[in-house]
Amino acid sequence: TLQSILLATDFHPHQEEVAQAAVRLASVFGSHVTL
């Protein structure tokens, strides 16, 4: 399983799409997210 997700961000508007993907993955796998 995907236990940990590294979400690297540059704070640009496209960040929302990346955050949505991290949310979906975290909810499916029960992952922790590191920003």
All heavy atoms as atom14 arrays in JSON, in Angstrom:
{
  "sequence": "TLQSILLATDFHPHQEEVAQAAVRLASVFGSHVTL",
  "atom14_mask": [
    [1, 1, 1, 1, 1, 1, 1, 0, 0, 0, 0, 0, 0, 0],
    [1, 1, 1, 1, 1, 1, 1, 1, 0, 0, 0, 0, 0, 0],
    [1, 1, 1, 1, 1, 1, 1, 1, 1, 0, 0, 0, 0, 0],
    [1, 1, 1, 1, 1, 1, 0, 0, 0, 0, 0, 0, 0, 0],
    [1, 1, 1, 1, 1, 1, 1, 1, 0, 0, 0, 0, 0, 0],
    [1, 1, 1, 1, 1, 1, 1, 1, 0, 0, 0, 0, 0, 0],
    [1, 1, 1, 1, 1, 1, 1, 1, 0, 0, 0, 0, 0, 0],
    [1, 1, 1, 1, 1, 0, 0, 0, 0, 0, 0, 0, 0, 0],
    [1, 1, 1, 1, 1, 1, 1, 0, 0, 0, 0, 0, 0, 0],
    [1, 1, 1, 1, 1, 1, 1, 1, 0, 0, 0, 0, 0, 0],
    [1, 1, 1, 1, 1, 1, 1, 1, 1, 1, 1, 0, 0, 0],
    [1, 1, 1, 1, 1, 1, 1, 1, 1, 1, 0, 0, 0, 0],
    [1, 1, 1, 1, 1, 1, 1, 0, 0, 0, 0, 0, 0, 0],
    [1, 1, 1, 1, 1, 1, 1, 1, 1, 1, 0, 0, 0, 0],
    [1, 1, 1, 1, 1, 1, 1, 1, 1, 0, 0, 0, 0, 0],
    [1, 1, 1, 1, 1, 1, 1, 1, 1, 0, 0, 0, 0, 0],
    [1, 1, 1, 1, 1, 1, 1, 1, 1, 0, 0, 0, 0, 0],
    [1, 1, 1, 1, 1, 1, 1, 0, 0, 0, 0, 0, 0, 0],
    [1, 1, 1, 1, 1, 0, 0, 0, 0, 0, 0, 0, 0, 0],
    [1, 1, 1, 1, 1, 1, 1, 1, 1, 0, 0, 0, 0, 0],
    [1, 1, 1, 1, 1, 0, 0, 0, 0, 0, 0, 0, 0, 0],
    [1, 1, 1, 1, 1, 0, 0, 0, 0, 0, 0, 0, 0, 0],
    [1, 1, 1, 1, 1, 1, 1, 0, 0, 0, 0, 0, 0, 0],
    [1, 1, 1, 1, 1, 1, 1, 1, 1, 1, 1, 0, 0, 0],
    [1, 1, 1, 1, 1, 1, 1, 1, 0, 0, 0, 0, 0, 0],
    [1, 1, 1, 1, 1, 0, 0, 0, 0, 0, 0, 0, 0, 0],
    [1, 1, 1, 1, 1, 1, 0, 0, 0, 0, 0, 0, 0, 0],
    [1, 1, 1, 1, 1, 1, 1, 0, 0, 0, 0, 0, 0, 0],
    [1, 1, 1, 1, 1, 1, 1, 1, 1, 1, 1, 0, 0, 0],
    [1, 1, 1, 1, 0, 0, 0, 0, 0, 0, 0, 0, 0, 0],
    [1, 1, 1, 1, 1, 1, 0, 0, 0, 0, 0, 0, 0, 0],
    [1, 1, 1, 1, 1, 1, 1, 1, 1, 1, 0, 0, 0, 0],
    [1, 1, 1, 1, 1, 1, 1, 0, 0, 0, 0, 0, 0, 0],
    [1, 1, 1, 1, 1, 1, 1, 0, 0, 0, 0, 0, 0, 0],
    [1, 1, 1, 1, 1, 1, 1, 1, 0, 0, 0, 0, 0, 0]
  ],
  "atom14_positions": [
    [[0.84, -1.19, 0.0], [0.0, 0.0, 0.0], [0.87, 1.24, 0.0], [2.05, 1.19, 0.34], [-0.92, 0.03, 1.23], [-0.11, 0.09, 2.41], [-1.84, -1.17, 1.27], [0.0, 0.0, 0.0], [0.0, 0.0, 0.0], [0.0, 0.0, 0.0], [0.0, 0.0, 0.0], [0.0, 0.0, 0.0], [0.0, 0.0, 0.0], [0.0, 0.0, 0.0]],
    [[0.28, 2.31, -0.36], [0.95, 3.6, -0.4], [0.8, 4.24, 0.97], [-0.21, 4.85, 1.28], [0.3, 4.46, -1.49], [0.95, 5.75, -1.87], [2.36, 5.53, -2.38], [0.13, 6.44, -2.94], [0.0, 0.0, 0.0], [0.0, 0.0, 0.0], [0.0, 0.0, 0.0], [0.0, 0.0, 0.0], [0.0, 0.0, 0.0], [0.0, 0.0, 0.0]],
    [[1.8, 4.08, 1.81], [1.71, 4.54, 3.19], [1.96, 6.02, 3.34], [1.42, 6.66, 4.24], [2.7, 3.77, 4.07], [2.39, 2.31, 4.15], [3.46, 1.55, 4.92], [4.53, 2.06, 5.2], [3.14, 0.32, 5.27], [0.0, 0.0, 0.0], [0.0, 0.0, 0.0], [0.0, 0.0, 0.0], [0.0, 0.0, 0.0], [0.0, 0.0, 0.0]],
    [[2.81, 6.58, 2.49], [3.2, 7.97, 2.63], [3.25, 8.64, 1.26], [3.74, 8.05, 0.3], [4.57, 8.05, 3.29], [4.98, 9.38, 3.45], [0.0, 0.0, 0.0], [0.0, 0.0, 0.0], [0.0, 0.0, 0.0], [0.0, 0.0, 0.0], [0.0, 0.0, 0.0], [0.0, 0.0, 0.0], [0.0, 0.0, 0.0], [0.0, 0.0, 0.0]],
    [[2.76, 9.87, 1.2], [2.76, 10.66, -0.03], [3.52, 11.95, 0.23], [3.23, 12.66, 1.19], [1.32, 11.0, -0.48], [0.54, 9.72, -0.76], [1.33, 11.92, -1.69], [-0.95, 9.93, -0.93], [0.0, 0.0, 0.0], [0.0, 0.0, 0.0], [0.0, 0.0, 0.0], [0.0, 0.0, 0.0], [0.0, 0.0, 0.0], [0.0, 0.0, 0.0]],
    [[4.49, 12.25, -0.63], [5.2, 13.52, -0.56], [4.54, 14.46, -1.55], [4.55, 14.22, -2.75], [6.68, 13.34, -0.9], [7.51, 14.63, -0.93], [7.54, 15.29, 0.45], [8.91, 14.34, -1.42], [0.0, 0.0, 0.0], [0.0, 0.0, 0.0], [0.0, 0.0, 0.0], [0.0, 0.0, 0.0], [0.0, 0.0, 0.0], [0.0, 0.0, 0.0]],
    [[3.93, 15.51, -1.04], [3.27, 16.5, -1.88], [4.14, 17.75, -1.9], [4.13, 18.56, -0.97], [1.87, 16.83, -1.34], [1.08, 17.94, -2.04], [0.97, 17.66, -3.52], [-0.28, 18.06, -1.42], [0.0, 0.0, 0.0], [0.0, 0.0, 0.0], [0.0, 0.0, 0.0], [0.0, 0.0, 0.0], [0.0, 0.0, 0.0], [0.0, 0.0, 0.0]],
    [[4.96, 17.86, -2.95], [5.82, 19.04, -3.11], [4.99, 20.1, -3.81], [4.31, 19.82, -4.8], [7.04, 18.68, -3.93], [0.0, 0.0, 0.0], [0.0, 0.0, 0.0], [0.0, 0.0, 0.0], [0.0, 0.0, 0.0], [0.0, 0.0, 0.0], [0.0, 0.0, 0.0], [0.0, 0.0, 0.0], [0.0, 0.0, 0.0], [0.0, 0.0, 0.0]],
    [[5.02, 21.31, -3.28], [4.19, 22.37, -3.82], [4.99, 23.63, -4.09], [5.96, 23.92, -3.4], [3.02, 22.69, -2.86], [2.23, 23.72, -3.44], [3.51, 23.12, -1.49], [0.0, 0.0, 0.0], [0.0, 0.0, 0.0], [0.0, 0.0, 0.0], [0.0, 0.0, 0.0], [0.0, 0.0, 0.0], [0.0, 0.0, 0.0], [0.0, 0.0, 0.0]],
    [[4.55, 24.35, -5.12], [5.14, 25.65, -5.42], [4.12, 26.77, -5.23], [4.39, 27.92, -5.56], [5.73, 25.68, -6.83], [4.69, 25.37, -7.9], [3.49, 25.24, -7.57], [5.07, 25.26, -9.07], [0.0, 0.0, 0.0], [0.0, 0.0, 0.0], [0.0, 0.0, 0.0], [0.0, 0.0, 0.0], [0.0, 0.0, 0.0], [0.0, 0.0, 0.0]],
    [[2.95, 26.43, -4.72], [1.87, 27.37, -4.4], [1.25, 28.03, -5.63], [0.56, 29.02, -5.51], [2.33, 28.46, -3.42], [2.94, 27.92, -2.16], [4.2, 28.35, -1.77], [2.28, 26.99, -1.38], [4.78, 27.87, -0.6], [2.85, 26.5, -0.23], [4.1, 26.94, 0.16], [0.0, 0.0, 0.0], [0.0, 0.0, 0.0], [0.0, 0.0, 0.0]],
    [[1.43, 27.49, -6.82], [0.79, 28.03, -8.0], [-0.64, 27.51, -8.12], [-1.0, 26.51, -7.47], [1.6, 27.69, -9.25], [2.82, 28.54, -9.38], [4.02, 28.04, -9.77], [3.03, 29.86, -9.17], [4.92, 29.0, -9.79], [4.34, 30.11, -9.42], [0.0, 0.0, 0.0], [0.0, 0.0, 0.0], [0.0, 0.0, 0.0], [0.0, 0.0, 0.0]],
    [[-1.47, 28.15, -8.94], [-2.87, 27.74, -9.05], [-3.09, 26.27, -9.42], [-4.07, 25.67, -8.99], [-3.42, 28.66, -10.15], [-2.55, 29.88, -10.07], [-1.19, 29.37, -9.7], [0.0, 0.0, 0.0], [0.0, 0.0, 0.0], [0.0, 0.0, 0.0], [0.0, 0.0, 0.0], [0.0, 0.0, 0.0], [0.0, 0.0, 0.0], [0.0, 0.0, 0.0]],
    [[-2.21, 25.67, -10.2], [-2.38, 24.27, -10.57], [-2.23, 23.33, -9.36], [-2.52, 22.15, -9.45], [-1.38, 23.87, -11.66], [0.03, 23.87, -11.2], [0.82, 24.99, -11.24], [0.8, 22.89, -10.68], [2.02, 24.7, -10.76], [2.04, 23.43, -10.4], [0.0, 0.0, 0.0], [0.0, 0.0, 0.0], [0.0, 0.0, 0.0], [0.0, 0.0, 0.0]],
    [[-1.8, 23.88, -8.24], [-1.64, 23.09, -7.02], [-2.92, 22.36, -6.63], [-2.87, 21.27, -6.08], [-1.19, 24.02, -5.9], [-1.47, 23.52, -4.51], [-1.18, 24.59, -3.49], [-0.05, 25.04, -3.4], [-2.17, 24.99, -2.75], [0.0, 0.0, 0.0], [0.0, 0.0, 0.0], [0.0, 0.0, 0.0], [0.0, 0.0, 0.0], [0.0, 0.0, 0.0]],
    [[-4.07, 22.94, -6.92], [-5.34, 22.32, -6.53], [-5.52, 20.94, -7.17], [-5.98, 20.02, -6.53], [-6.51, 23.23, -6.88], [-7.86, 22.67, -6.49], [-8.01, 22.32, -5.0], [-7.39, 22.99, -4.16], [-8.75, 21.37, -4.69], [0.0, 0.0, 0.0], [0.0, 0.0, 0.0], [0.0, 0.0, 0.0], [0.0, 0.0, 0.0], [0.0, 0.0, 0.0]],
    [[-5.13, 20.82, -8.43], [-5.24, 19.52, -9.1], [-4.33, 18.49, -8.45], [-4.71, 17.33, -8.27], [-4.9, 19.66, -10.58], [-5.9, 20.49, -11.35], [-5.46, 20.76, -12.77], [-4.59, 20.02, -13.29], [-5.99, 21.71, -13.36], [0.0, 0.0, 0.0], [0.0, 0.0, 0.0], [0.0, 0.0, 0.0], [0.0, 0.0, 0.0], [0.0, 0.0, 0.0]],
    [[-3.13, 18.9, -8.08], [-2.18, 18.01, -7.43], [-2.7, 17.63, -6.04], [-2.64, 16.47, -5.63], [-0.79, 18.66, -7.34], [0.18, 17.8, -6.55], [-0.25, 18.96, -8.73], [0.0, 0.0, 0.0], [0.0, 0.0, 0.0], [0.0, 0.0, 0.0], [0.0, 0.0, 0.0], [0.0, 0.0, 0.0], [0.0, 0.0, 0.0], [0.0, 0.0, 0.0]],
    [[-3.24, 18.6, -5.32], [-3.8, 18.34, -3.99], [-4.98, 17.37, -4.09], [-5.11, 16.47, -3.25], [-4.24, 19.65, -3.34], [0.0, 0.0, 0.0], [0.0, 0.0, 0.0], [0.0, 0.0, 0.0], [0.0, 0.0, 0.0], [0.0, 0.0, 0.0], [0.0, 0.0, 0.0], [0.0, 0.0, 0.0], [0.0, 0.0, 0.0], [0.0, 0.0, 0.0]],
    [[-5.81, 17.52, -5.12], [-6.94, 16.6, -5.31], [-6.44, 15.17, -5.52], [-7.02, 14.22, -4.99], [-7.8, 17.03, -6.52], [-8.64, 18.24, -6.26], [-9.81, 17.93, -5.33], [-9.96, 16.85, -4.77], [-10.65, 18.91, -5.15], [0.0, 0.0, 0.0], [0.0, 0.0, 0.0], [0.0, 0.0, 0.0], [0.0, 0.0, 0.0], [0.0, 0.0, 0.0]],
    [[-5.4, 15.02, -6.31], [-4.83, 13.69, -6.54], [-4.31, 13.1, -5.23], [-4.52, 11.92, -4.93], [-3.72, 13.75, -7.59], [0.0, 0.0, 0.0], [0.0, 0.0, 0.0], [0.0, 0.0, 0.0], [0.0, 0.0, 0.0], [0.0, 0.0, 0.0], [0.0, 0.0, 0.0], [0.0, 0.0, 0.0], [0.0, 0.0, 0.0], [0.0, 0.0, 0.0]],
    [[-3.64, 13.93, -4.43], [-3.13, 13.46, -3.14], [-4.27, 13.06, -2.21], [-4.19, 12.05, -1.51], [-2.26, 14.53, -2.48], [0.0, 0.0, 0.0], [0.0, 0.0, 0.0], [0.0, 0.0, 0.0], [0.0, 0.0, 0.0], [0.0, 0.0, 0.0], [0.0, 0.0, 0.0], [0.0, 0.0, 0.0], [0.0, 0.0, 0.0], [0.0, 0.0, 0.0]],
    [[-5.35, 13.83, -2.22], [-6.52, 13.5, -1.4], [-7.11, 12.16, -1.82], [-7.41, 11.31, -0.98], [-7.59, 14.62, -1.48], [-8.91, 14.18, -0.87], [-7.09, 15.89, -0.79], [0.0, 0.0, 0.0], [0.0, 0.0, 0.0], [0.0, 0.0, 0.0], [0.0, 0.0, 0.0], [0.0, 0.0, 0.0], [0.0, 0.0, 0.0], [0.0, 0.0, 0.0]],
    [[-7.26, 11.96, -3.13], [-7.83, 10.69, -3.61], [-6.94, 9.51, -3.23], [-7.43, 8.49, -2.75], [-8.03, 10.74, -5.13], [-9.22, 11.59, -5.54], [-9.58, 11.41, -7.01], [-8.49, 11.72, -7.93], [-8.24, 12.93, -8.42], [-8.98, 13.95, -8.09], [-7.24, 13.1, -9.27], [0.0, 0.0, 0.0], [0.0, 0.0, 0.0], [0.0, 0.0, 0.0]],
    [[-5.66, 9.64, -3.45], [-4.74, 8.56, -3.1], [-4.73, 8.29, -1.59], [-4.77, 7.14, -1.16], [-3.32, 8.88, -3.58], [-3.08, 8.8, -5.07], [-1.72, 9.4, -5.42], [-3.18, 7.37, -5.55], [0.0, 0.0, 0.0], [0.0, 0.0, 0.0], [0.0, 0.0, 0.0], [0.0, 0.0, 0.0], [0.0, 0.0, 0.0], [0.0, 0.0, 0.0]],
    [[-4.68, 9.36, -0.81], [-4.65, 9.19, 0.65], [-5.92, 8.53, 1.15], [-5.87, 7.69, 2.06], [-4.46, 10.55, 1.33], [0.0, 0.0, 0.0], [0.0, 0.0, 0.0], [0.0, 0.0, 0.0], [0.0, 0.0, 0.0], [0.0, 0.0, 0.0], [0.0, 0.0, 0.0], [0.0, 0.0, 0.0], [0.0, 0.0, 0.0], [0.0, 0.0, 0.0]],
    [[-7.06, 8.87, 0.56], [-8.31, 8.27, 1.03], [-8.42, 6.8, 0.62], [-8.92, 5.97, 1.38], [-9.52, 9.06, 0.55], [-9.61, 9.03, -0.85], [0.0, 0.0, 0.0], [0.0, 0.0, 0.0], [0.0, 0.0, 0.0], [0.0, 0.0, 0.0], [0.0, 0.0, 0.0], [0.0, 0.0, 0.0], [0.0, 0.0, 0.0], [0.0, 0.0, 0.0]],
    [[-7.92, 6.46, -0.54], [-7.97, 5.07, -1.0], [-7.01, 4.18, -0.2], [-7.36, 3.08, 0.21], [-7.64, 4.97, -2.51], [-7.39, 3.53, -2.93], [-8.76, 5.57, -3.34], [0.0, 0.0, 0.0], [0.0, 0.0, 0.0], [0.0, 0.0, 0.0], [0.0, 0.0, 0.0], [0.0, 0.0, 0.0], [0.0, 0.0, 0.0], [0.0, 0.0, 0.0]],
    [[-5.8, 4.67, 0.05], [-4.78, 3.86, 0.69], [-4.59, 4.13, 2.18], [-3.81, 3.45, 2.84], [-3.43, 4.06, -0.02], [-3.4, 3.51, -1.41], [-3.49, 4.35, -2.5], [-3.29, 2.15, -1.63], [-3.47, 3.85, -3.8], [-3.26, 1.63, -2.92], [-3.35, 2.48, -4.0], [0.0, 0.0, 0.0], [0.0, 0.0, 0.0], [0.0, 0.0, 0.0]],
    [[-5.28, 5.15, 2.72], [-5.08, 5.5, 4.12], [-3.7, 6.08, 4.36], [-3.11, 5.89, 5.43], [0.0, 0.0, 0.0], [0.0, 0.0, 0.0], [0.0, 0.0, 0.0], [0.0, 0.0, 0.0], [0.0, 0.0, 0.0], [0.0, 0.0, 0.0], [0.0, 0.0, 0.0], [0.0, 0.0, 0.0], [0.0, 0.0, 0.0], [0.0, 0.0, 0.0]],
    [[-3.18, 6.79, 3.37], [-1.82, 7.32, 3.43], [-1.72, 8.59, 4.27], [-2.67, 9.34, 4.4], [-1.34, 7.67, 2.01], [-1.54, 6.61, 1.12], [0.0, 0.0, 0.0], [0.0, 0.0, 0.0], [0.0, 0.0, 0.0], [0.0, 0.0, 0.0], [0.0, 0.0, 0.0], [0.0, 0.0, 0.0], [0.0, 0.0, 0.0], [0.0, 0.0, 0.0]],
    [[-0.54, 8.81, 4.79], [-0.18, 10.09, 5.41], [0.45, 10.95, 4.33], [1.13, 10.44, 3.45], [0.83, 9.89, 6.54], [0.28, 9.15, 7.69], [0.5, 7.8, 7.88], [-0.5, 9.54, 8.72], [-0.11, 7.41, 8.98], [-0.73, 8.45, 9.51], [0.0, 0.0, 0.0], [0.0, 0.0, 0.0], [0.0, 0.0, 0.0], [0.0, 0.0, 0.0]],
    [[0.24, 12.26, 4.42], [0.79, 13.18, 3.43], [1.82, 14.09, 4.1], [1.57, 14.63, 5.18], [-0.32, 14.03, 2.78], [0.27, 15.09, 1.86], [-1.29, 13.13, 2.01], [0.0, 0.0, 0.0], [0.0, 0.0, 0.0], [0.0, 0.0, 0.0], [0.0, 0.0, 0.0], [0.0, 0.0, 0.0], [0.0, 0.0, 0.0], [0.0, 0.0, 0.0]],
    [[2.96, 14.23, 3.45], [3.99, 15.18, 3.88], [4.01, 16.31, 2.88], [4.18, 16.08, 1.68], [5.37, 14.5, 3.93], [5.35, 13.47, 4.92], [6.47, 15.5, 4.27], [0.0, 0.0, 0.0], [0.0, 0.0, 0.0], [0.0, 0.0, 0.0], [0.0, 0.0, 0.0], [0.0, 0.0, 0.0], [0.0, 0.0, 0.0], [0.0, 0.0, 0.0]],
    [[3.82, 17.53, 3.36], [3.86, 18.71, 2.51], [5.29, 19.24, 2.49], [5.97, 19.28, 3.51], [2.93, 19.78, 3.03], [1.46, 19.39, 3.13], [0.64, 20.52, 3.73], [0.91, 18.99, 1.78], [0.0, 0.0, 0.0], [0.0, 0.0, 0.0], [0.0, 0.0, 0.0], [0.0, 0.0, 0.0], [0.0, 0.0, 0.0], [0.0, 0.0, 0.0]]
  ]
}
